[in-house]
Amino acid sequence: MSESVWPALVWPGRRREWSGMGVAMGGLGVRLRVGEKIGLGFGLVGAIFLGVLWFYHVSHDEIIADYRDLNQTYGARQVAAFAIESRLTAMRAAADRFSLTREETFAQEALRQADALRQQTEQLARVDQASRQTAEQIRALTDGFALRLEDMLEAWRIRGLDEASGLQGAFREAAHILEEQAGQYGSQHASQQGAEQLQLTLLQLRRREKDYLLRADTRYVDMVDGIAADFRQQLRGLDLAAPARERLEALLTGYLDDFHALVEQDRRIARLSAEMSQAATRITPVVEVNLVQASGAMARRSAEIAEGAAAQARWSLGVAVAAALFGALLAVLITIGIVRPVRAMAGLLDRLTRESPRERVPADPDGRDEINAMAMALNTLADHRARLVDWWRSSMQEATAARELGQAQTGDERVAAAQAMHAAAHERLRQLDAVREQLLADAQRIEQIAAQLNGDDADRQHAARLRDAAGDLRRLLGVVAGDVSPA
């Protein structure tokens, strides 16, 4: 067998190392069966695709985690900012309605909204460090708003939430008493000069007082003070008993004191209202700045995540394309590793039917694949055929020489030579018959291996050519057997 296997083939111009898979697959190719090679190739491609899927899964999880973190941070800041805006609007609306209607329920509603705003601020503070600083500012402004709202509510309670309570109730009572006493004096001293003018002055005083209460314009305070001074001057010019004059002056003084207390309380309420409005107004820019920062940061982070996802998608696509190309290359290499040796074997078998070629199909004695086994069997067949042809030629030469020799010798010598030649020829024919049987066995083995080839159309065509060549060789051996059978 060692004489029939060529580990290397010298081609014109260079030396090539052959295996069952050709140069591209190296020595490992001939040590694997065809099915193992195909399975290994598809396994490698499948492993690459599984790696791509795993990478895609990991990348997808990372993107989801990034978006979840984005939502938990910047999204939470946005949600908290919108909630704070909503609470702030509700708080200011309730405070404004209290200022208009002076209904205590609206003030309590504004305080409840302030508490809810504090809770939203606490949620904002738990997001991140920047939100914590913003939350501290909003909390301080909210506390200032609520404190001033409570002070304003108390100031309104002191002033009087309606006309009959607080300073407003006391002032109205003092005004009614003054008006009643002045009216009684006017009716009792109607004939006295100046009494009617005093009544008119009192009416002007009450009118300016009502103008102030209606419009809250401080100009009317000065008017009230001026008219009150005229009323006092006119009162002193009348002919009244000292007790009556003193009583009217005391009522006027009490009226003015209550009026100025009411004016002072209005000023305090106005100051508290302005401070409260200022505190609420300062909250809005802080919330808007936080919202703008969160929106900008969220947009930037979203763009970064999208860019990273696109890069990962491109990488995954590139790996998938590379895996597909690798699979195609592997299929081409496997096909080449099968087609080339089969084509070489088909050509060698075709030549064996007509001549005795010296070329052999490259094969590896340690190989396990079917193509390599077929090549070794075909090489053995070619070697046996070469021996058979050599023996046949030498036998023919011997027979020719013996015939020529027999013609030149005597009868006894020819008989002895013929017997010896017959014995030698019989032994040679016996050897030729053994070689023929071996060649028939090799041809049958080639046909069996060719029948096992499963592949594309080219593989089936080459297998058919191998079977045809083996059949031709079998018929040739049959002819040889008929020609050289011993008598």
Protein backbone atom coordinates (compact mmCIF):
# COMPACT_ATOMS: atom_id res chain seq x y z
CA MET A 1 0.00 0.00 0.00
CA SER A 2 2.87 2.37 0.76
CA GLU A 3 4.07 2.11 -2.81
CA SER A 4 0.68 3.17 -4.12
CA VAL A 5 0.21 6.32 -2.01
CA TRP A 6 2.02 9.55 -2.94
CA PRO A 7 2.17 11.92 0.05
CA ALA A 8 3.14 14.76 -2.26
CA LEU A 9 2.83 15.60 -5.92
CA VAL A 10 5.34 17.66 -7.85
CA TRP A 11 3.62 19.98 -10.28
CA PRO A 12 5.47 22.08 -12.82
CA GLY A 13 6.77 25.17 -11.07
CA ARG A 14 5.99 24.32 -7.44
CA ARG A 15 5.27 21.64 -4.82
CA ARG A 16 1.83 21.34 -3.19
CA GLU A 17 0.79 19.55 -0.03
CA TRP A 18 -2.51 17.77 -0.63
CA SER A 19 -5.20 16.51 1.72
CA GLY A 20 -8.80 15.42 1.38
CA MET A 21 -9.96 19.03 1.66
CA GLY A 22 -7.13 20.48 -0.42
CA VAL A 23 -4.59 23.06 0.56
CA ALA A 24 -7.18 25.39 2.12
CA MET A 25 -8.28 22.96 4.84
CA GLY A 26 -4.82 21.60 5.76
CA GLY A 27 -4.05 18.31 7.45
CA LEU A 28 -7.13 18.46 9.66
CA GLY A 29 -9.42 18.13 6.65
CA VAL A 30 -8.36 14.59 5.72
CA ARG A 31 -8.76 13.40 9.30
CA LEU A 32 -12.47 14.27 9.31
CA ARG A 33 -15.25 12.62 7.40
CA VAL A 34 -17.27 14.65 4.93
CA GLY A 35 -20.27 14.72 7.24
CA GLU A 36 -18.04 15.80 10.13
CA LYS A 37 -16.59 18.61 8.04
CA ILE A 38 -20.04 19.82 7.04
CA GLY A 39 -21.28 19.54 10.61
CA LEU A 40 -18.21 21.38 11.92
CA GLY A 41 -18.64 24.13 9.33
CA PHE A 42 -22.30 24.64 10.07
CA GLY A 43 -21.53 24.40 13.78
CA LEU A 44 -19.00 27.23 13.49
CA VAL A 45 -21.44 29.36 11.51
CA GLY A 46 -24.20 28.57 14.00
CA ALA A 47 -21.89 29.45 16.90
CA ILE A 48 -21.12 32.78 15.26
CA PHE A 49 -24.81 33.50 14.77
CA LEU A 50 -25.51 32.47 18.36
CA GLY A 51 -22.77 34.87 19.43
CA VAL A 52 -24.41 37.60 17.38
CA LEU A 53 -27.78 36.83 18.98
CA TRP A 54 -26.20 36.81 22.44
CA PHE A 55 -24.51 40.14 21.75
CA TYR A 56 -27.81 41.54 20.45
CA HIS A 57 -29.57 40.30 23.59
CA VAL A 58 -26.93 41.82 25.86
CA SER A 59 -26.98 45.08 23.91
CA HIS A 60 -30.77 45.14 24.04
CA ASP A 61 -30.70 44.64 27.81
CA GLU A 62 -28.12 47.42 28.15
CA ILE A 63 -30.25 49.78 26.06
CA ILE A 64 -33.32 48.94 28.14
CA ALA A 65 -31.32 49.53 31.32
CA ASP A 66 -30.08 52.87 29.96
CA TYR A 67 -33.60 53.97 29.10
CA ARG A 68 -34.85 52.75 32.47
CA ASP A 69 -32.13 54.77 34.20
CA LEU A 70 -32.95 57.71 31.95
CA ASN A 71 -36.61 57.47 32.90
CA GLN A 72 -35.84 57.02 36.58
CA THR A 73 -33.58 60.08 36.61
CA TYR A 74 -34.50 62.67 34.02
CA GLY A 75 -37.99 61.34 33.44
CA ALA A 76 -38.63 61.47 37.18
CA ARG A 77 -37.36 65.05 37.23
CA GLN A 78 -39.78 65.97 34.47
CA VAL A 79 -42.69 64.23 36.17
CA ALA A 80 -41.87 65.88 39.48
CA ALA A 81 -41.53 69.27 37.77
CA PHE A 82 -44.95 68.92 36.13
CA ALA A 83 -46.49 67.78 39.42
CA ILE A 84 -44.92 70.74 41.25
CA GLU A 85 -46.21 73.10 38.56
CA SER A 86 -49.69 71.65 38.98
CA ARG A 87 -49.60 71.94 42.77
CA LEU A 88 -48.21 75.46 42.55
CA THR A 89 -50.99 76.54 40.20
CA ALA A 90 -53.65 75.02 42.47
CA MET A 91 -52.07 76.65 45.55
CA ARG A 92 -51.95 80.10 43.97
CA ALA A 93 -55.48 79.75 42.61
CA ALA A 94 -56.83 78.87 46.06
CA ALA A 95 -54.91 81.76 47.64
CA ASP A 96 -56.25 84.19 45.02
CA ARG A 97 -59.82 83.02 45.59
CA PHE A 98 -59.35 83.54 49.31
CA SER A 99 -58.12 87.08 48.67
CA LEU A 100 -61.21 87.77 46.56
CA THR A 101 -63.89 86.06 48.63
CA ARG A 102 -62.24 86.00 52.07
CA GLU A 103 -63.68 82.52 52.59
CA GLU A 104 -61.49 80.62 54.99
CA THR A 105 -62.02 77.31 53.17
CA PHE A 106 -59.98 78.61 50.22
CA ALA A 107 -57.11 79.51 52.53
CA GLN A 108 -57.19 76.01 54.02
CA GLU A 109 -57.22 74.56 50.50
CA ALA A 110 -54.17 76.66 49.61
CA LEU A 111 -52.37 75.32 52.71
CA ARG A 112 -53.26 71.73 51.74
CA GLN A 113 -51.87 72.34 48.28
CA ALA A 114 -48.71 73.72 49.90
CA ASP A 115 -48.35 70.48 51.89
CA ALA A 116 -48.83 68.45 48.70
CA LEU A 117 -46.23 70.66 47.02
CA ARG A 118 -43.79 69.84 49.82
CA GLN A 119 -44.40 66.11 49.26
CA GLN A 120 -43.72 66.49 45.54
CA THR A 121 -40.57 68.39 46.43
CA GLU A 122 -39.45 65.49 48.63
CA GLN A 123 -39.88 63.12 45.68
CA LEU A 124 -37.84 65.46 43.50
CA ALA A 125 -35.08 65.57 46.12
CA ARG A 126 -34.68 61.77 45.94
CA VAL A 127 -33.87 61.77 42.20
CA ASP A 128 -30.30 63.13 42.13
CA GLN A 129 -28.00 65.80 43.57
CA ALA A 130 -29.09 68.55 41.17
CA SER A 131 -32.73 67.84 41.92
CA ARG A 132 -31.96 67.88 45.64
CA GLN A 133 -30.63 71.43 45.41
CA THR A 134 -33.65 72.52 43.39
CA ALA A 135 -35.97 70.84 45.88
CA GLU A 136 -34.36 72.72 48.77
CA GLN A 137 -35.00 76.05 47.02
CA ILE A 138 -38.60 75.13 46.23
CA ARG A 139 -39.16 73.90 49.79
CA ALA A 140 -37.85 77.15 51.26
CA LEU A 141 -40.04 79.25 48.96
CA THR A 142 -43.07 77.05 49.67
CA ASP A 143 -42.53 77.37 53.41
CA GLY A 144 -42.31 81.15 53.01
CA PHE A 145 -45.52 81.20 50.98
CA ALA A 146 -47.38 79.04 53.50
CA LEU A 147 -46.11 81.11 56.44
CA ARG A 148 -47.25 84.37 54.85
CA LEU A 149 -50.57 82.80 53.89
CA GLU A 150 -51.13 81.81 57.51
CA ASP A 151 -50.16 85.32 58.63
CA MET A 152 -52.51 86.83 56.07
CA LEU A 153 -55.33 84.54 57.20
CA GLU A 154 -54.76 85.66 60.77
CA ALA A 155 -54.61 89.29 59.63
CA TRP A 156 -57.94 88.89 57.86
CA ARG A 157 -59.40 87.33 60.98
CA ILE A 158 -58.23 90.38 62.93
CA ARG A 159 -59.56 92.75 60.30
CA GLY A 160 -62.73 90.76 59.91
CA LEU A 161 -63.64 88.15 57.35
CA ASP A 162 -67.07 89.81 57.07
CA GLU A 163 -68.56 93.19 57.94
CA ALA A 164 -69.63 92.14 61.42
CA SER A 165 -66.37 90.59 62.70
CA GLY A 166 -62.96 91.84 63.75
CA LEU A 167 -61.80 95.40 63.31
CA GLN A 168 -64.30 95.93 60.53
CA GLY A 169 -67.19 95.03 62.84
CA ALA A 170 -65.91 97.32 65.59
CA PHE A 171 -65.43 100.15 63.11
CA ARG A 172 -68.93 99.75 61.71
CA GLU A 173 -70.35 99.79 65.21
CA ALA A 174 -68.40 102.94 66.09
CA ALA A 175 -69.54 104.59 62.84
CA HIS A 176 -73.18 103.72 63.51
CA ILE A 177 -73.00 105.06 67.07
CA LEU A 178 -71.39 108.30 65.85
CA GLU A 179 -73.98 108.64 63.13
CA GLU A 180 -76.80 107.91 65.56
CA GLN A 181 -75.60 110.40 68.16
CA ALA A 182 -74.99 113.08 65.55
CA GLY A 183 -78.45 112.47 64.15
CA GLN A 184 -80.05 112.85 67.56
CA TYR A 185 -78.19 116.12 68.10
CA GLY A 186 -79.26 117.39 64.71
CA SER A 187 -82.90 116.65 65.37
CA GLN A 188 -82.77 118.26 68.84
CA HIS A 189 -80.92 121.40 67.69
CA ALA A 190 -82.19 121.73 64.16
CA SER A 191 -82.80 125.46 64.65
CA GLN A 192 -79.27 126.09 65.77
CA GLN A 193 -76.92 127.48 63.13
CA GLY A 194 -74.31 124.95 61.95
CA ALA A 195 -76.26 121.83 62.90
CA GLU A 196 -77.24 121.09 59.33
CA GLN A 197 -73.64 121.60 58.13
CA LEU A 198 -72.46 119.12 60.75
CA GLN A 199 -74.85 116.52 59.34
CA LEU A 200 -73.54 117.12 55.82
CA THR A 201 -69.94 116.82 57.01
CA LEU A 202 -70.75 113.49 58.68
CA LEU A 203 -72.31 112.22 55.46
CA GLN A 204 -69.17 113.22 53.52
CA LEU A 205 -67.05 111.42 56.13
CA ARG A 206 -69.03 108.19 55.75
CA ARG A 207 -68.91 108.46 51.96
CA ARG A 208 -65.12 108.74 51.86
CA GLU A 209 -64.87 105.91 54.36
CA LYS A 210 -66.97 103.69 52.13
CA ASP A 211 -64.90 104.75 49.11
CA TYR A 212 -61.79 103.55 50.89
CA LEU A 213 -63.39 100.26 51.94
CA LEU A 214 -64.54 99.71 48.38
CA ARG A 215 -61.42 100.76 46.47
CA ALA A 216 -58.65 100.36 49.12
CA ASP A 217 -57.10 103.62 47.87
CA THR A 218 -54.95 105.40 50.47
CA ARG A 219 -55.99 108.80 49.09
CA TYR A 220 -59.33 108.36 50.79
CA VAL A 221 -57.58 107.94 54.14
CA ASP A 222 -56.30 111.52 53.91
CA MET A 223 -59.75 112.68 52.84
CA VAL A 224 -61.31 110.96 55.84
CA ASP A 225 -58.77 112.59 58.17
CA GLY A 226 -59.43 116.03 56.64
CA ILE A 227 -63.21 115.70 56.84
CA ALA A 228 -62.92 114.41 60.43
CA ALA A 229 -60.87 117.52 61.32
CA ASP A 230 -63.59 119.73 59.78
CA PHE A 231 -66.24 117.79 61.67
CA ARG A 232 -64.34 118.33 64.94
CA GLN A 233 -63.91 122.05 64.18
CA GLN A 234 -67.60 122.45 63.37
CA LEU A 235 -68.54 120.53 66.49
CA ARG A 236 -66.52 122.90 68.64
CA GLY A 237 -68.25 125.89 67.04
CA LEU A 238 -71.72 124.74 68.06
CA ASP A 239 -73.49 125.75 71.27
CA LEU A 240 -73.48 122.38 73.00
CA ALA A 241 -73.25 121.29 76.56
CA ALA A 242 -69.82 120.15 77.55
CA PRO A 243 -70.85 116.52 78.19
CA ALA A 244 -72.57 116.24 74.79
CA ARG A 245 -69.61 117.79 72.97
CA GLU A 246 -67.13 115.56 74.78
CA ARG A 247 -69.23 112.48 74.00
CA LEU A 248 -69.34 113.32 70.27
CA GLU A 249 -65.60 114.05 70.21
CA ALA A 250 -64.92 110.74 71.98
CA LEU A 251 -67.09 108.90 69.46
CA LEU A 252 -65.25 110.65 66.60
CA THR A 253 -61.88 109.74 68.12
CA GLY A 254 -62.92 106.09 68.52
CA TYR A 255 -64.24 106.08 64.96
CA LEU A 256 -60.93 107.41 63.63
CA ASP A 257 -58.90 105.00 65.76
CA ASP A 258 -60.88 102.03 64.44
CA PHE A 259 -60.61 103.37 60.90
CA HIS A 260 -56.83 103.77 61.11
CA ALA A 261 -56.48 100.33 62.71
CA LEU A 262 -58.46 98.96 59.81
CA VAL A 263 -56.24 100.85 57.36
CA GLU A 264 -53.09 99.56 59.06
CA GLN A 265 -54.39 96.00 58.94
CA ASP A 266 -55.13 96.44 55.25
CA ARG A 267 -51.55 97.57 54.71
CA ARG A 268 -50.27 94.51 56.56
CA ILE A 269 -52.51 92.25 54.51
CA ALA A 270 -51.33 93.91 51.30
CA ARG A 271 -47.70 93.47 52.33
CA LEU A 272 -48.24 89.81 53.22
CA SER A 273 -50.12 89.26 49.97
CA ALA A 274 -47.28 90.82 47.97
CA GLU A 275 -44.67 88.73 49.80
CA MET A 276 -46.77 85.60 49.32
CA SER A 277 -47.19 86.32 45.62
CA GLN A 278 -43.48 87.03 45.30
CA ALA A 279 -42.62 83.72 46.97
CA ALA A 280 -44.99 81.85 44.64
CA THR A 281 -43.61 83.72 41.64
CA ARG A 282 -40.05 82.76 42.56
CA ILE A 283 -41.00 79.07 42.66
CA THR A 284 -42.02 79.01 38.99
CA PRO A 285 -38.60 79.96 37.52
CA VAL A 286 -36.86 77.41 39.74
CA VAL A 287 -39.22 74.68 38.56
CA GLU A 288 -38.89 75.79 34.94
CA VAL A 289 -35.10 75.80 35.14
CA ASN A 290 -35.18 72.28 36.58
CA LEU A 291 -37.58 71.21 33.84
CA VAL A 292 -35.41 72.74 31.11
CA GLN A 293 -32.29 71.10 32.54
CA ALA A 294 -34.03 67.74 32.82
CA SER A 295 -35.43 67.99 29.28
CA GLY A 296 -32.05 68.98 27.83
CA ALA A 297 -30.18 66.29 29.73
CA MET A 298 -32.81 63.72 28.75
CA ALA A 299 -32.55 64.73 25.09
CA ARG A 300 -28.74 64.51 25.17
CA ARG A 301 -28.78 61.18 26.96
CA SER A 302 -31.44 59.83 24.58
CA ALA A 303 -29.28 60.88 21.63
CA GLU A 304 -26.26 59.14 23.18
CA ILE A 305 -28.26 55.96 23.79
CA ALA A 306 -29.67 56.05 20.26
CA GLU A 307 -26.19 56.56 18.81
CA GLY A 308 -24.81 53.69 20.87
CA ALA A 309 -27.71 51.46 19.83
CA ALA A 310 -27.12 52.33 16.18
CA ALA A 311 -23.41 51.54 16.52
CA GLN A 312 -24.19 48.20 18.17
CA ALA A 313 -26.73 47.43 15.45
CA ARG A 314 -24.14 48.19 12.77
CA TRP A 315 -21.61 45.98 14.54
CA SER A 316 -24.15 43.16 14.84
CA LEU A 317 -25.05 43.51 11.17
CA GLY A 318 -21.37 43.45 10.22
CA VAL A 319 -20.77 40.30 12.26
CA ALA A 320 -23.86 38.67 10.74
CA VAL A 321 -22.65 39.51 7.23
CA ALA A 322 -19.17 38.24 8.11
CA ALA A 323 -20.71 35.02 9.44
CA ALA A 324 -22.71 34.59 6.25
CA LEU A 325 -19.60 35.19 4.14
CA PHE A 326 -17.65 32.78 6.31
CA GLY A 327 -20.37 30.17 5.84
CA ALA A 328 -20.32 30.71 2.08
CA LEU A 329 -16.51 30.46 2.03
CA LEU A 330 -16.64 27.31 4.12
CA ALA A 331 -19.19 25.78 1.76
CA VAL A 332 -16.99 26.68 -1.21
CA LEU A 333 -13.93 25.15 0.46
CA ILE A 334 -15.82 21.97 1.31
CA THR A 335 -17.17 21.78 -2.24
CA ILE A 336 -13.71 22.34 -3.70
CA GLY A 337 -12.26 19.74 -1.34
CA ILE A 338 -14.79 17.22 -2.64
CA VAL A 339 -15.05 18.17 -6.31
CA ARG A 340 -11.34 18.42 -7.12
CA PRO A 341 -10.35 14.96 -5.82
CA VAL A 342 -13.46 13.38 -7.36
CA ARG A 343 -12.70 15.03 -10.69
CA ALA A 344 -9.08 13.83 -10.48
CA MET A 345 -10.23 10.28 -9.67
CA ALA A 346 -12.73 10.32 -12.53
CA GLY A 347 -9.99 11.43 -14.92
CA LEU A 348 -7.61 8.74 -13.63
CA LEU A 349 -10.25 6.02 -14.02
CA ASP A 350 -11.00 7.21 -17.52
CA ARG A 351 -7.31 6.96 -18.43
CA LEU A 352 -7.05 3.53 -16.79
CA THR A 353 -9.47 2.17 -19.39
CA ARG A 354 -7.11 3.19 -22.19
CA GLU A 355 -3.57 3.31 -20.78
CA SER A 356 -1.41 2.84 -17.72
CA PRO A 357 -0.87 6.34 -16.30
CA ARG A 358 1.88 6.99 -13.80
CA GLU A 359 0.04 9.83 -12.04
CA ARG A 360 -1.83 9.11 -8.83
CA VAL A 361 -4.53 10.93 -6.91
CA PRO A 362 -2.98 12.67 -3.88
CA ALA A 363 -4.08 10.97 -0.64
CA ASP A 364 -3.12 10.85 3.01
CA PRO A 365 -2.65 7.40 4.57
CA ASP A 366 -3.89 8.75 7.92
CA GLY A 367 -7.01 10.35 6.45
CA ARG A 368 -10.54 9.32 7.49
CA ASP A 369 -12.78 11.06 4.99
CA GLU A 370 -14.51 9.13 2.22
CA ILE A 371 -12.83 11.06 -0.60
CA ASN A 372 -9.39 10.22 0.78
CA ALA A 373 -10.38 6.54 1.12
CA MET A 374 -11.61 6.50 -2.48
CA ALA A 375 -8.36 8.11 -3.65
CA MET A 376 -6.30 5.48 -1.81
CA ALA A 377 -8.41 2.68 -3.29
CA LEU A 378 -8.08 4.14 -6.78
CA ASN A 379 -4.32 4.51 -6.37
CA THR A 380 -4.14 0.87 -5.28
CA LEU A 381 -6.22 -0.11 -8.29
CA ALA A 382 -3.93 1.84 -10.61
CA ASP A 383 -0.85 0.21 -9.04
CA HIS A 384 -2.35 -3.25 -9.44
CA ARG A 385 -3.30 -2.53 -13.01
CA ALA A 386 0.21 -1.28 -13.73
CA ARG A 387 1.61 -4.51 -12.29
CA LEU A 388 -0.88 -6.50 -14.30
CA VAL A 389 0.12 -4.75 -17.50
CA ASP A 390 3.81 -5.16 -16.69
CA TRP A 391 3.32 -8.84 -15.99
CA TRP A 392 1.27 -9.27 -19.10
CA ARG A 393 3.89 -7.59 -21.23
CA SER A 394 6.68 -9.61 -19.67
CA SER A 395 4.66 -12.79 -20.17
CA MET A 396 4.05 -11.95 -23.79
CA GLN A 397 7.73 -11.24 -24.22
CA GLU A 398 8.62 -14.54 -22.59
CA ALA A 399 6.15 -16.40 -24.75
CA THR A 400 7.49 -14.76 -27.87
CA ALA A 401 11.06 -15.53 -26.84
CA ALA A 402 10.14 -19.11 -26.07
CA ARG A 403 8.46 -19.54 -29.41
CA GLU A 404 11.44 -18.17 -31.21
CA LEU A 405 13.73 -20.33 -29.14
CA GLY A 406 11.67 -23.40 -29.86
CA GLN A 407 11.95 -22.87 -33.53
CA ALA A 408 15.74 -22.86 -33.33
CA GLN A 409 16.28 -26.03 -31.17
CA THR A 410 15.85 -29.80 -31.60
CA GLY A 411 12.70 -31.65 -30.79
CA ASP A 412 13.70 -32.93 -27.35
CA GLU A 413 14.95 -29.59 -26.26
CA ARG A 414 11.79 -27.92 -27.52
CA VAL A 415 9.71 -30.33 -25.45
CA ALA A 416 11.72 -29.67 -22.34
CA ALA A 417 11.63 -25.92 -22.93
CA ALA A 418 7.94 -26.01 -23.64
CA GLN A 419 7.28 -27.86 -20.41
CA ALA A 420 9.34 -25.39 -18.45
CA MET A 421 7.73 -22.45 -20.24
CA HIS A 422 4.31 -23.94 -19.63
CA ALA A 423 5.02 -24.26 -15.94
CA ALA A 424 6.27 -20.68 -15.75
CA ALA A 425 3.34 -19.37 -17.73
CA HIS A 426 0.92 -21.31 -15.55
CA GLU A 427 2.45 -19.77 -12.44
CA ARG A 428 2.40 -16.30 -14.03
CA LEU A 429 -1.23 -16.71 -15.02
CA ARG A 430 -2.08 -17.79 -11.51
CA GLN A 431 -0.51 -14.60 -10.22
CA LEU A 432 -2.30 -12.56 -12.87
CA ASP A 433 -5.59 -14.11 -11.86
CA ALA A 434 -4.94 -13.13 -8.21
CA VAL A 435 -4.15 -9.58 -9.29
CA ARG A 436 -7.31 -9.54 -11.41
CA GLU A 437 -9.38 -10.60 -8.41
CA GLN A 438 -7.79 -7.80 -6.35
CA LEU A 439 -8.53 -5.28 -9.13
CA LEU A 440 -12.13 -6.47 -9.28
CA ALA A 441 -12.40 -6.00 -5.51
CA ASP A 442 -10.92 -2.49 -5.81
CA ALA A 443 -13.36 -1.63 -8.60
CA GLN A 444 -16.25 -2.84 -6.45
CA ARG A 445 -14.99 -0.73 -3.53
CA ILE A 446 -14.80 2.35 -5.78
CA GLU A 447 -18.38 1.76 -6.86
CA GLN A 448 -19.49 1.46 -3.22
CA ILE A 449 -17.72 4.67 -2.23
CA ALA A 450 -19.13 6.49 -5.26
CA ALA A 451 -22.60 5.35 -4.23
CA GLN A 452 -22.09 6.96 -0.80
CA LEU A 453 -21.36 10.40 -2.24
CA ASN A 454 -24.25 12.77 -1.52
CA GLY A 455 -23.90 16.37 -2.56
CA ASP A 456 -24.84 18.75 -5.30
CA ASP A 457 -25.29 17.93 -8.99
CA ALA A 458 -21.55 18.18 -9.65
CA ASP A 459 -20.80 15.57 -6.96
CA ARG A 460 -23.44 13.22 -8.37
CA GLN A 461 -22.03 13.64 -11.87
CA HIS A 462 -18.50 12.83 -10.68
CA ALA A 463 -19.80 9.81 -8.77
CA ALA A 464 -21.54 8.59 -11.93
CA ARG A 465 -18.29 8.98 -13.85
CA LEU A 466 -16.49 6.95 -11.17
CA ARG A 467 -19.08 4.18 -11.42
CA ASP A 468 -18.84 4.17 -15.23
CA ALA A 469 -15.04 4.04 -15.10
CA ALA A 470 -15.16 1.19 -12.55
CA GLY A 471 -17.57 -0.69 -14.84
CA ASP A 472 -15.26 -0.19 -17.79
CA LEU A 473 -12.37 -1.51 -15.72
CA ARG A 474 -14.45 -4.51 -14.67
CA ARG A 475 -15.27 -5.30 -18.30
CA LEU A 476 -11.60 -4.88 -19.25
CA LEU A 477 -10.59 -7.33 -16.55
CA GLY A 478 -13.24 -9.70 -17.83
CA VAL A 479 -11.74 -9.55 -21.28
CA VAL A 480 -8.27 -10.10 -19.83
CA ALA A 481 -9.56 -13.03 -17.82
CA GLY A 482 -11.02 -14.58 -20.97
CA ASP A 483 -7.82 -14.15 -22.88
CA VAL A 484 -5.38 -15.48 -20.29
CA SER A 485 -7.32 -18.27 -18.61
CA PRO A 486 -5.16 -21.40 -18.27
CA ALA A 487 -6.14 -24.33 -20.42
